[in-house]
Full PDB file with SEQRES, HELIX, SHEET, SSBOND, CRYST1, ORIGX, SCALE, CONECT and MASTER records, all heavy atoms in Angstrom:
SEQRES   1 A   37  THR VAL GLU GLN SER TYR ASP LEU GLU TYR GLY THR ALA          
SEQRES   2 A   37  THR ILE GLU VAL HIS LYS ASP SER ILE GLN PRO GLY GLN          
SEQRES   3 A   37  LYS VAL ILE ILE ILE ASP ASP LEU ILE ALA THR                  
SHEET    1 AA1 2 VAL A   2  LEU A   8  0                                        
SHEET    2 AA1 2 GLY A  11  VAL A  17 -1                                        
CRYST1    1.000    1.000    1.000  90.00  90.00  90.00 P 1           1          
ORIGX1      1.000000  0.000000  0.000000        0.00000                         
ORIGX2      0.000000  1.000000  0.000000        0.00000                         
ORIGX3      0.000000  0.000000  1.000000        0.00000                         
SCALE1      1.000000  0.000000  0.000000        0.00000                         
SCALE2      0.000000  1.000000  0.000000        0.00000                         
SCALE3      0.000000  0.000000  1.000000        0.00000                         
ATOM      1  N   THR A   1      -6.153   8.053  -7.950  1.00  0.00           N  
ATOM      2  CA  THR A   1      -5.582   7.152  -6.950  1.00  0.00           C  
ATOM      3  C   THR A   1      -5.865   7.638  -5.533  1.00  0.00           C  
ATOM      4  O   THR A   1      -6.250   8.783  -5.318  1.00  0.00           O  
ATOM      5  CB  THR A   1      -4.051   7.047  -7.107  1.00  0.00           C  
ATOM      6  OG1 THR A   1      -3.480   8.343  -6.889  1.00  0.00           O  
ATOM      7  CG2 THR A   1      -3.654   6.522  -8.483  1.00  0.00           C  
ATOM      8  N   VAL A   2      -5.632   6.734  -4.585  1.00  0.00           N  
ATOM      9  CA  VAL A   2      -5.493   7.102  -3.176  1.00  0.00           C  
ATOM     10  C   VAL A   2      -4.054   6.757  -2.820  1.00  0.00           C  
ATOM     11  O   VAL A   2      -3.463   5.862  -3.411  1.00  0.00           O  
ATOM     12  CB  VAL A   2      -6.506   6.379  -2.264  1.00  0.00           C  
ATOM     13  CG1 VAL A   2      -7.920   6.843  -2.556  1.00  0.00           C  
ATOM     14  CG2 VAL A   2      -6.410   4.872  -2.371  1.00  0.00           C  
ATOM     15  N   GLU A   3      -3.501   7.478  -1.873  1.00  0.00           N  
ATOM     16  CA  GLU A   3      -2.090   7.274  -1.535  1.00  0.00           C  
ATOM     17  C   GLU A   3      -1.890   7.171  -0.042  1.00  0.00           C  
ATOM     18  O   GLU A   3      -2.724   7.643   0.743  1.00  0.00           O  
ATOM     19  CB  GLU A   3      -1.218   8.381  -2.124  1.00  0.00           C  
ATOM     20  CG  GLU A   3      -1.489   9.753  -1.566  1.00  0.00           C  
ATOM     21  CD  GLU A   3      -0.611  10.822  -2.203  1.00  0.00           C  
ATOM     22  OE1 GLU A   3      -0.555  10.908  -3.444  1.00  0.00           O  
ATOM     23  OE2 GLU A   3       0.024  11.576  -1.424  1.00  0.00           O  
ATOM     24  N   GLN A   4      -0.760   6.561   0.312  1.00  0.00           N  
ATOM     25  CA  GLN A   4      -0.399   6.403   1.715  1.00  0.00           C  
ATOM     26  C   GLN A   4       1.117   6.538   1.831  1.00  0.00           C  
ATOM     27  O   GLN A   4       1.855   5.887   1.103  1.00  0.00           O  
ATOM     28  CB  GLN A   4      -0.848   5.026   2.216  1.00  0.00           C  
ATOM     29  CG  GLN A   4      -0.566   4.757   3.655  1.00  0.00           C  
ATOM     30  CD  GLN A   4      -1.385   5.629   4.587  1.00  0.00           C  
ATOM     31  OE1 GLN A   4      -2.572   5.804   4.403  1.00  0.00           O  
ATOM     32  NE2 GLN A   4      -0.743   6.206   5.579  1.00  0.00           N  
ATOM     33  N   SER A   5       1.550   7.390   2.754  1.00  0.00           N  
ATOM     34  CA  SER A   5       2.982   7.549   3.010  1.00  0.00           C  
ATOM     35  C   SER A   5       3.375   6.710   4.220  1.00  0.00           C  
ATOM     36  O   SER A   5       2.545   6.416   5.076  1.00  0.00           O  
ATOM     37  CB  SER A   5       3.325   9.015   3.258  1.00  0.00           C  
ATOM     38  OG  SER A   5       3.096   9.764   2.088  1.00  0.00           O  
ATOM     39  N   TYR A   6       4.634   6.337   4.268  1.00  0.00           N  
ATOM     40  CA  TYR A   6       5.148   5.543   5.380  1.00  0.00           C  
ATOM     41  C   TYR A   6       6.622   5.875   5.564  1.00  0.00           C  
ATOM     42  O   TYR A   6       7.269   6.423   4.687  1.00  0.00           O  
ATOM     43  CB  TYR A   6       4.934   4.042   5.148  1.00  0.00           C  
ATOM     44  CG  TYR A   6       5.596   3.495   3.907  1.00  0.00           C  
ATOM     45  CD1 TYR A   6       6.813   2.828   3.974  1.00  0.00           C  
ATOM     46  CD2 TYR A   6       5.005   3.652   2.651  1.00  0.00           C  
ATOM     47  CE1 TYR A   6       7.420   2.331   2.835  1.00  0.00           C  
ATOM     48  CE2 TYR A   6       5.608   3.150   1.507  1.00  0.00           C  
ATOM     49  CZ  TYR A   6       6.805   2.497   1.609  1.00  0.00           C  
ATOM     50  OH  TYR A   6       7.411   2.008   0.483  1.00  0.00           O  
ATOM     51  N   ASP A   7       7.125   5.526   6.750  1.00  0.00           N  
ATOM     52  CA  ASP A   7       8.512   5.841   7.099  1.00  0.00           C  
ATOM     53  C   ASP A   7       9.474   4.799   6.569  1.00  0.00           C  
ATOM     54  O   ASP A   7       9.199   3.599   6.588  1.00  0.00           O  
ATOM     55  CB  ASP A   7       8.670   5.937   8.614  1.00  0.00           C  
ATOM     56  CG  ASP A   7       7.952   7.144   9.192  1.00  0.00           C  
ATOM     57  OD1 ASP A   7       7.863   8.172   8.486  1.00  0.00           O  
ATOM     58  OD2 ASP A   7       7.474   7.057  10.334  1.00  0.00           O  
ATOM     59  N   LEU A   8      10.604   5.291   6.111  1.00  0.00           N  
ATOM     60  CA  LEU A   8      11.740   4.468   5.731  1.00  0.00           C  
ATOM     61  C   LEU A   8      12.832   4.706   6.760  1.00  0.00           C  
ATOM     62  O   LEU A   8      12.703   5.586   7.622  1.00  0.00           O  
ATOM     63  CB  LEU A   8      12.255   4.862   4.336  1.00  0.00           C  
ATOM     64  CG  LEU A   8      11.301   4.697   3.168  1.00  0.00           C  
ATOM     65  CD1 LEU A   8      11.866   5.388   1.938  1.00  0.00           C  
ATOM     66  CD2 LEU A   8      11.076   3.228   2.890  1.00  0.00           C  
ATOM     67  N   GLU A   9      13.924   3.987   6.643  1.00  0.00           N  
ATOM     68  CA  GLU A   9      15.031   4.183   7.576  1.00  0.00           C  
ATOM     69  C   GLU A   9      15.542   5.627   7.525  1.00  0.00           C  
ATOM     70  O   GLU A   9      15.851   6.222   8.543  1.00  0.00           O  
ATOM     71  CB  GLU A   9      16.159   3.205   7.236  1.00  0.00           C  
ATOM     72  CG  GLU A   9      17.242   3.173   8.284  1.00  0.00           C  
ATOM     73  CD  GLU A   9      18.284   2.102   8.013  1.00  0.00           C  
ATOM     74  OE1 GLU A   9      18.136   1.326   7.056  1.00  0.00           O  
ATOM     75  OE2 GLU A   9      19.270   2.073   8.772  1.00  0.00           O  
ATOM     76  N   TYR A  10      15.609   6.179   6.307  1.00  0.00           N  
ATOM     77  CA  TYR A  10      16.091   7.559   6.138  1.00  0.00           C  
ATOM     78  C   TYR A  10      15.109   8.349   5.302  1.00  0.00           C  
ATOM     79  O   TYR A  10      15.380   8.677   4.157  1.00  0.00           O  
ATOM     80  CB  TYR A  10      17.467   7.564   5.453  1.00  0.00           C  
ATOM     81  CG  TYR A  10      18.513   6.793   6.207  1.00  0.00           C  
ATOM     82  CD1 TYR A  10      18.949   5.557   5.778  1.00  0.00           C  
ATOM     83  CD2 TYR A  10      19.061   7.316   7.375  1.00  0.00           C  
ATOM     84  CE1 TYR A  10      19.904   4.845   6.482  1.00  0.00           C  
ATOM     85  CE2 TYR A  10      20.012   6.612   8.084  1.00  0.00           C  
ATOM     86  CZ  TYR A  10      20.434   5.383   7.638  1.00  0.00           C  
ATOM     87  OH  TYR A  10      21.388   4.685   8.344  1.00  0.00           O  
ATOM     88  N   GLY A  11      13.926   8.637   5.837  1.00  0.00           N  
ATOM     89  CA  GLY A  11      12.950   9.451   5.105  1.00  0.00           C  
ATOM     90  C   GLY A  11      11.602   8.770   5.028  1.00  0.00           C  
ATOM     91  O   GLY A  11      11.239   7.953   5.869  1.00  0.00           O  
ATOM     92  N   THR A  12      10.846   9.126   3.981  1.00  0.00           N  
ATOM     93  CA  THR A  12       9.519   8.565   3.786  1.00  0.00           C  
ATOM     94  C   THR A  12       9.343   8.150   2.332  1.00  0.00           C  
ATOM     95  O   THR A  12      10.111   8.569   1.459  1.00  0.00           O  
ATOM     96  CB  THR A  12       8.406   9.581   4.145  1.00  0.00           C  
ATOM     97  OG1 THR A  12       8.526  10.712   3.293  1.00  0.00           O  
ATOM     98  CG2 THR A  12       8.468  10.006   5.597  1.00  0.00           C  
ATOM     99  N   ALA A  13       8.334   7.343   2.094  1.00  0.00           N  
ATOM    100  CA  ALA A  13       7.966   6.938   0.737  1.00  0.00           C  
ATOM    101  C   ALA A  13       6.443   6.957   0.666  1.00  0.00           C  
ATOM    102  O   ALA A  13       5.763   6.959   1.693  1.00  0.00           O  
ATOM    103  CB  ALA A  13       8.508   5.556   0.410  1.00  0.00           C  
ATOM    104  N   THR A  14       5.938   6.966  -0.547  1.00  0.00           N  
ATOM    105  CA  THR A  14       4.491   6.979  -0.756  1.00  0.00           C  
ATOM    106  C   THR A  14       4.135   5.940  -1.804  1.00  0.00           C  
ATOM    107  O   THR A  14       4.794   5.842  -2.843  1.00  0.00           O  
ATOM    108  CB  THR A  14       4.019   8.380  -1.216  1.00  0.00           C  
ATOM    109  OG1 THR A  14       4.417   9.341  -0.230  1.00  0.00           O  
ATOM    110  CG2 THR A  14       2.512   8.434  -1.390  1.00  0.00           C  
ATOM    111  N   ILE A  15       3.081   5.173  -1.509  1.00  0.00           N  
ATOM    112  CA  ILE A  15       2.539   4.227  -2.475  1.00  0.00           C  
ATOM    113  C   ILE A  15       1.094   4.611  -2.757  1.00  0.00           C  
ATOM    114  O   ILE A  15       0.472   5.353  -1.983  1.00  0.00           O  
ATOM    115  CB  ILE A  15       2.626   2.765  -1.974  1.00  0.00           C  
ATOM    116  CG1 ILE A  15       1.967   2.604  -0.610  1.00  0.00           C  
ATOM    117  CG2 ILE A  15       4.064   2.294  -1.969  1.00  0.00           C  
ATOM    118  CD1 ILE A  15       1.889   1.165  -0.119  1.00  0.00           C  
ATOM    119  N   GLU A  16       0.581   4.113  -3.882  1.00  0.00           N  
ATOM    120  CA  GLU A  16      -0.796   4.428  -4.233  1.00  0.00           C  
ATOM    121  C   GLU A  16      -1.427   3.283  -5.010  1.00  0.00           C  
ATOM    122  O   GLU A  16      -0.744   2.380  -5.492  1.00  0.00           O  
ATOM    123  CB  GLU A  16      -0.865   5.733  -5.028  1.00  0.00           C  
ATOM    124  CG  GLU A  16      -0.068   5.777  -6.294  1.00  0.00           C  
ATOM    125  CD  GLU A  16      -0.029   7.158  -6.948  1.00  0.00           C  
ATOM    126  OE1 GLU A  16      -0.493   8.141  -6.356  1.00  0.00           O  
ATOM    127  OE2 GLU A  16       0.473   7.223  -8.071  1.00  0.00           O  
ATOM    128  N   VAL A  17      -2.748   3.365  -5.097  1.00  0.00           N  
ATOM    129  CA  VAL A  17      -3.529   2.361  -5.815  1.00  0.00           C  
ATOM    130  C   VAL A  17      -4.666   3.102  -6.534  1.00  0.00           C  
ATOM    131  O   VAL A  17      -5.104   4.156  -6.075  1.00  0.00           O  
ATOM    132  CB  VAL A  17      -4.055   1.276  -4.841  1.00  0.00           C  
ATOM    133  CG1 VAL A  17      -5.073   1.834  -3.859  1.00  0.00           C  
ATOM    134  CG2 VAL A  17      -4.606   0.080  -5.571  1.00  0.00           C  
ATOM    135  N   HIS A  18      -5.113   2.557  -7.664  1.00  0.00           N  
ATOM    136  CA  HIS A  18      -6.259   3.166  -8.346  1.00  0.00           C  
ATOM    137  C   HIS A  18      -7.470   3.159  -7.418  1.00  0.00           C  
ATOM    138  O   HIS A  18      -7.754   2.147  -6.767  1.00  0.00           O  
ATOM    139  CB  HIS A  18      -6.596   2.410  -9.638  1.00  0.00           C  
ATOM    140  CG  HIS A  18      -5.710   2.747 -10.774  1.00  0.00           C  
ATOM    141  ND1 HIS A  18      -5.101   1.796 -11.545  1.00  0.00           N  
ATOM    142  CD2 HIS A  18      -5.318   3.942 -11.292  1.00  0.00           C  
ATOM    143  CE1 HIS A  18      -4.385   2.380 -12.487  1.00  0.00           C  
ATOM    144  NE2 HIS A  18      -4.497   3.689 -12.346  1.00  0.00           N  
ATOM    145  N   LYS A  19      -8.163   4.275  -7.396  1.00  0.00           N  
ATOM    146  CA  LYS A  19      -9.301   4.455  -6.498  1.00  0.00           C  
ATOM    147  C   LYS A  19     -10.427   3.458  -6.771  1.00  0.00           C  
ATOM    148  O   LYS A  19     -11.160   3.081  -5.872  1.00  0.00           O  
ATOM    149  CB  LYS A  19      -9.820   5.889  -6.626  1.00  0.00           C  
ATOM    150  CG  LYS A  19     -10.703   6.339  -5.516  1.00  0.00           C  
ATOM    151  CD  LYS A  19     -10.997   7.814  -5.634  1.00  0.00           C  
ATOM    152  CE  LYS A  19     -11.692   8.305  -4.389  1.00  0.00           C  
ATOM    153  NZ  LYS A  19     -11.895   9.746  -4.443  1.00  0.00           N  
ATOM    154  N   ASP A  20     -10.543   3.011  -8.022  1.00  0.00           N  
ATOM    155  CA  ASP A  20     -11.636   2.104  -8.390  1.00  0.00           C  
ATOM    156  C   ASP A  20     -11.216   0.630  -8.425  1.00  0.00           C  
ATOM    157  O   ASP A  20     -11.982  -0.231  -8.855  1.00  0.00           O  
ATOM    158  CB  ASP A  20     -12.217   2.502  -9.737  1.00  0.00           C  
ATOM    159  CG  ASP A  20     -11.212   2.433 -10.878  1.00  0.00           C  
ATOM    160  OD1 ASP A  20     -10.024   2.158 -10.633  1.00  0.00           O  
ATOM    161  OD2 ASP A  20     -11.619   2.678 -12.028  1.00  0.00           O  
ATOM    162  N   SER A  21     -10.022   0.312  -7.949  1.00  0.00           N  
ATOM    163  CA  SER A  21      -9.519  -1.063  -8.080  1.00  0.00           C  
ATOM    164  C   SER A  21     -10.037  -2.017  -7.009  1.00  0.00           C  
ATOM    165  O   SER A  21     -10.029  -3.227  -7.204  1.00  0.00           O  
ATOM    166  CB  SER A  21      -7.988  -1.071  -8.091  1.00  0.00           C  
ATOM    167  OG  SER A  21      -7.494  -0.590  -6.860  1.00  0.00           O  
ATOM    168  N   ILE A  22     -10.465  -1.480  -5.883  1.00  0.00           N  
ATOM    169  CA  ILE A  22     -10.990  -2.284  -4.781  1.00  0.00           C  
ATOM    170  C   ILE A  22     -12.324  -1.691  -4.361  1.00  0.00           C  
ATOM    171  O   ILE A  22     -12.406  -0.492  -4.095  1.00  0.00           O  
ATOM    172  CB  ILE A  22      -9.997  -2.315  -3.595  1.00  0.00           C  
ATOM    173  CG1 ILE A  22      -8.667  -2.940  -4.029  1.00  0.00           C  
ATOM    174  CG2 ILE A  22     -10.598  -3.053  -2.397  1.00  0.00           C  
ATOM    175  CD1 ILE A  22      -7.538  -2.762  -3.038  1.00  0.00           C  
ATOM    176  N   GLN A  23     -13.328  -2.538  -4.312  1.00  0.00           N  
ATOM    177  CA  GLN A  23     -14.666  -2.086  -3.942  1.00  0.00           C  
ATOM    178  C   GLN A  23     -14.943  -2.419  -2.469  1.00  0.00           C  
ATOM    179  O   GLN A  23     -14.377  -3.378  -1.926  1.00  0.00           O  
ATOM    180  CB  GLN A  23     -15.718  -2.767  -4.830  1.00  0.00           C  
ATOM    181  CG  GLN A  23     -15.526  -2.524  -6.315  1.00  0.00           C  
ATOM    182  CD  GLN A  23     -15.470  -1.058  -6.672  1.00  0.00           C  
ATOM    183  OE1 GLN A  23     -16.333  -0.276  -6.274  1.00  0.00           O  
ATOM    184  NE2 GLN A  23     -14.437  -0.656  -7.400  1.00  0.00           N  
ATOM    185  N   PRO A  24     -15.828  -1.634  -1.830  1.00  0.00           N  
ATOM    186  CA  PRO A  24     -16.164  -1.926  -0.434  1.00  0.00           C  
ATOM    187  C   PRO A  24     -16.610  -3.382  -0.255  1.00  0.00           C  
ATOM    188  O   PRO A  24     -17.366  -3.915  -1.061  1.00  0.00           O  
ATOM    189  CB  PRO A  24     -17.316  -0.958  -0.141  1.00  0.00           C  
ATOM    190  CG  PRO A  24     -17.057   0.203  -1.067  1.00  0.00           C  
ATOM    191  CD  PRO A  24     -16.510  -0.433  -2.325  1.00  0.00           C  
ATOM    192  N   GLY A  25     -16.058  -4.006   0.778  1.00  0.00           N  
ATOM    193  CA  GLY A  25     -16.408  -5.379   1.101  1.00  0.00           C  
ATOM    194  C   GLY A  25     -15.554  -6.440   0.440  1.00  0.00           C  
ATOM    195  O   GLY A  25     -15.613  -7.613   0.828  1.00  0.00           O  
ATOM    196  N   GLN A  26     -14.753  -6.053  -0.545  1.00  0.00           N  
ATOM    197  CA  GLN A  26     -13.906  -7.052  -1.190  1.00  0.00           C  
ATOM    198  C   GLN A  26     -12.773  -7.467  -0.250  1.00  0.00           C  
ATOM    199  O   GLN A  26     -12.214  -6.641   0.464  1.00  0.00           O  
ATOM    200  CB  GLN A  26     -13.336  -6.529  -2.508  1.00  0.00           C  
ATOM    201  CG  GLN A  26     -14.384  -6.467  -3.597  1.00  0.00           C  
ATOM    202  CD  GLN A  26     -13.787  -6.082  -4.933  1.00  0.00           C  
ATOM    203  OE1 GLN A  26     -13.066  -5.092  -5.054  1.00  0.00           O  
ATOM    204  NE2 GLN A  26     -14.096  -6.877  -5.949  1.00  0.00           N  
ATOM    205  N   LYS A  27     -12.468  -8.756  -0.287  1.00  0.00           N  
ATOM    206  CA  LYS A  27     -11.423  -9.317   0.563  1.00  0.00           C  
ATOM    207  C   LYS A  27     -10.135  -9.416  -0.248  1.00  0.00           C  
ATOM    208  O   LYS A  27     -10.126  -9.969  -1.340  1.00  0.00           O  
ATOM    209  CB  LYS A  27     -11.860 -10.680   1.078  1.00  0.00           C  
ATOM    210  CG  LYS A  27     -13.061 -10.594   1.997  1.00  0.00           C  
ATOM    211  CD  LYS A  27     -13.486 -11.969   2.461  1.00  0.00           C  
ATOM    212  CE  LYS A  27     -14.615 -11.854   3.451  1.00  0.00           C  
ATOM    213  NZ  LYS A  27     -15.920 -11.930   2.844  1.00  0.00           N  
ATOM    214  N   VAL A  28      -9.054  -8.887   0.323  1.00  0.00           N  
ATOM    215  CA  VAL A  28      -7.804  -8.706  -0.412  1.00  0.00           C  
ATOM    216  C   VAL A  28      -6.647  -9.440   0.263  1.00  0.00           C  
ATOM    217  O   VAL A  28      -6.450  -9.329   1.476  1.00  0.00           O  
ATOM    218  CB  VAL A  28      -7.470  -7.202  -0.532  1.00  0.00           C  
ATOM    219  CG1 VAL A  28      -6.179  -6.989  -1.309  1.00  0.00           C  
ATOM    220  CG2 VAL A  28      -8.625  -6.433  -1.162  1.00  0.00           C  
ATOM    221  N   ILE A  29      -5.886 -10.151  -0.562  1.00  0.00           N  
ATOM    222  CA  ILE A  29      -4.599 -10.715  -0.150  1.00  0.00           C  
ATOM    223  C   ILE A  29      -3.538  -9.702  -0.558  1.00  0.00           C  
ATOM    224  O   ILE A  29      -3.517  -9.264  -1.709  1.00  0.00           O  
ATOM    225  CB  ILE A  29      -4.303 -12.049  -0.878  1.00  0.00           C  
ATOM    226  CG1 ILE A  29      -5.369 -13.092  -0.612  1.00  0.00           C  
ATOM    227  CG2 ILE A  29      -2.897 -12.548  -0.535  1.00  0.00           C  
ATOM    228  CD1 ILE A  29      -5.490 -13.558   0.810  1.00  0.00           C  
ATOM    229  N   ILE A  30      -2.669  -9.323   0.352  1.00  0.00           N  
ATOM    230  CA  ILE A  30      -1.546  -8.450   0.015  1.00  0.00           C  
ATOM    231  C   ILE A  30      -0.293  -9.320  -0.013  1.00  0.00           C  
ATOM    232  O   ILE A  30      -0.040 -10.085   0.921  1.00  0.00           O  
ATOM    233  CB  ILE A  30      -1.374  -7.303   1.022  1.00  0.00           C  
ATOM    234  CG1 ILE A  30      -2.627  -6.421   1.036  1.00  0.00           C  
ATOM    235  CG2 ILE A  30      -0.132  -6.472   0.683  1.00  0.00           C  
ATOM    236  CD1 ILE A  30      -2.608  -5.334   2.088  1.00  0.00           C  
ATOM    237  N   ILE A  31       0.477  -9.194  -1.090  1.00  0.00           N  
ATOM    238  CA  ILE A  31       1.695  -9.990  -1.235  1.00  0.00           C  
ATOM    239  C   ILE A  31       2.892  -9.100  -1.543  1.00  0.00           C  
ATOM    240  O   ILE A  31       2.782  -8.125  -2.291  1.00  0.00           O  
ATOM    241  CB  ILE A  31       1.562 -11.071  -2.335  1.00  0.00           C  
ATOM    242  CG1 ILE A  31       2.840 -11.919  -2.411  1.00  0.00           C  
ATOM    243  CG2 ILE A  31       1.187 -10.471  -3.671  1.00  0.00           C  
ATOM    244  CD1 ILE A  31       2.727 -13.139  -3.293  1.00  0.00           C  
ATOM    245  N   ASP A  32       4.007  -9.455  -0.928  1.00  0.00           N  
ATOM    246  CA  ASP A  32       5.303  -8.881  -1.276  1.00  0.00           C  
ATOM    247  C   ASP A  32       6.323  -9.998  -1.118  1.00  0.00           C  
ATOM    248  O   ASP A  32       6.031 -11.032  -0.516  1.00  0.00           O  
ATOM    249  CB  ASP A  32       5.635  -7.682  -0.394  1.00  0.00           C  
ATOM    250  CG  ASP A  32       6.590  -6.701  -1.067  1.00  0.00           C  
ATOM    251  OD1 ASP A  32       7.104  -7.012  -2.161  1.00  0.00           O  
ATOM    252  OD2 ASP A  32       6.829  -5.629  -0.497  1.00  0.00           O  
ATOM    253  N   ASP A  33       7.499  -9.796  -1.657  1.00  0.00           N  
ATOM    254  CA  ASP A  33       8.498 -10.861  -1.591  1.00  0.00           C  
ATOM    255  C   ASP A  33       9.029 -11.050  -0.183  1.00  0.00           C  
ATOM    256  O   ASP A  33       9.355 -12.157   0.222  1.00  0.00           O  
ATOM    257  CB  ASP A  33       9.650 -10.588  -2.567  1.00  0.00           C  
ATOM    258  CG  ASP A  33      10.472  -9.367  -2.196  1.00  0.00           C  
ATOM    259  OD1 ASP A  33       9.891  -8.368  -1.718  1.00  0.00           O  
ATOM    260  OD2 ASP A  33      11.695  -9.392  -2.392  1.00  0.00           O  
ATOM    261  N   LEU A  34       9.091  -9.948   0.592  1.00  0.00           N  
ATOM    262  CA  LEU A  34       9.797  -9.990   1.861  1.00  0.00           C  
ATOM    263  C   LEU A  34       9.141  -9.071   2.872  1.00  0.00           C  
ATOM    264  O   LEU A  34       8.703  -7.976   2.522  1.00  0.00           O  
ATOM    265  CB  LEU A  34      11.245  -9.544   1.603  1.00  0.00           C  
ATOM    266  CG  LEU A  34      12.189  -9.472   2.767  1.00  0.00           C  
ATOM    267  CD1 LEU A  34      13.552 -10.012   2.346  1.00  0.00           C  
ATOM    268  CD2 LEU A  34      12.327  -8.055   3.243  1.00  0.00           C  
ATOM    269  N   ILE A  35       9.056  -9.516   4.106  1.00  0.00           N  
ATOM    270  CA  ILE A  35       8.632  -8.645   5.199  1.00  0.00           C  
ATOM    271  C   ILE A  35       9.856  -8.367   6.062  1.00  0.00           C  
ATOM    272  O   ILE A  35      10.522  -9.293   6.527  1.00  0.00           O  
ATOM    273  CB  ILE A  35       7.474  -9.227   6.030  1.00  0.00           C  
ATOM    274  CG1 ILE A  35       7.149  -8.306   7.213  1.00  0.00           C  
ATOM    275  CG2 ILE A  35       7.751 -10.640   6.471  1.00  0.00           C  
ATOM    276  CD1 ILE A  35       5.950  -8.706   8.020  1.00  0.00           C  
ATOM    277  N   ALA A  36      10.133  -7.081   6.213  1.00  0.00           N  
ATOM    278  CA  ALA A  36      11.250  -6.645   7.055  1.00  0.00           C  
ATOM    279  C   ALA A  36      10.656  -5.869   8.238  1.00  0.00           C  
ATOM    280  O   ALA A  36      10.246  -6.464   9.221  1.00  0.00           O  
ATOM    281  CB  ALA A  36      12.230  -5.812   6.242  1.00  0.00           C  
ATOM    282  N   THR A  37      10.529  -4.560   8.103  1.00  0.00           N  
ATOM    283  CA  THR A  37       9.966  -3.756   9.196  1.00  0.00           C  
ATOM    284  C   THR A  37       8.443  -3.682   9.150  1.00  0.00           C  
ATOM    285  O   THR A  37       7.820  -3.254  10.111  1.00  0.00           O  
ATOM    286  CB  THR A  37      10.522  -2.320   9.158  1.00  0.00           C  
ATOM    287  OG1 THR A  37      10.084  -1.693   7.958  1.00  0.00           O  
ATOM    288  CG2 THR A  37      12.038  -2.312   9.261  1.00  0.00           C  
TER     289      THR A  37                                                      
MASTER        0    0    0    0    2    0    0    6  288    1    0    3          
END                                                                             
């Protein structure tokens, strides 16, 4: 995987994705239920 950390209100969290799941040049839609910060 590759990973990325980000700030939370009280600390940090880390998310990751399989390294081979997205190839260079591919166009990606990112979806979540809610956008807050």
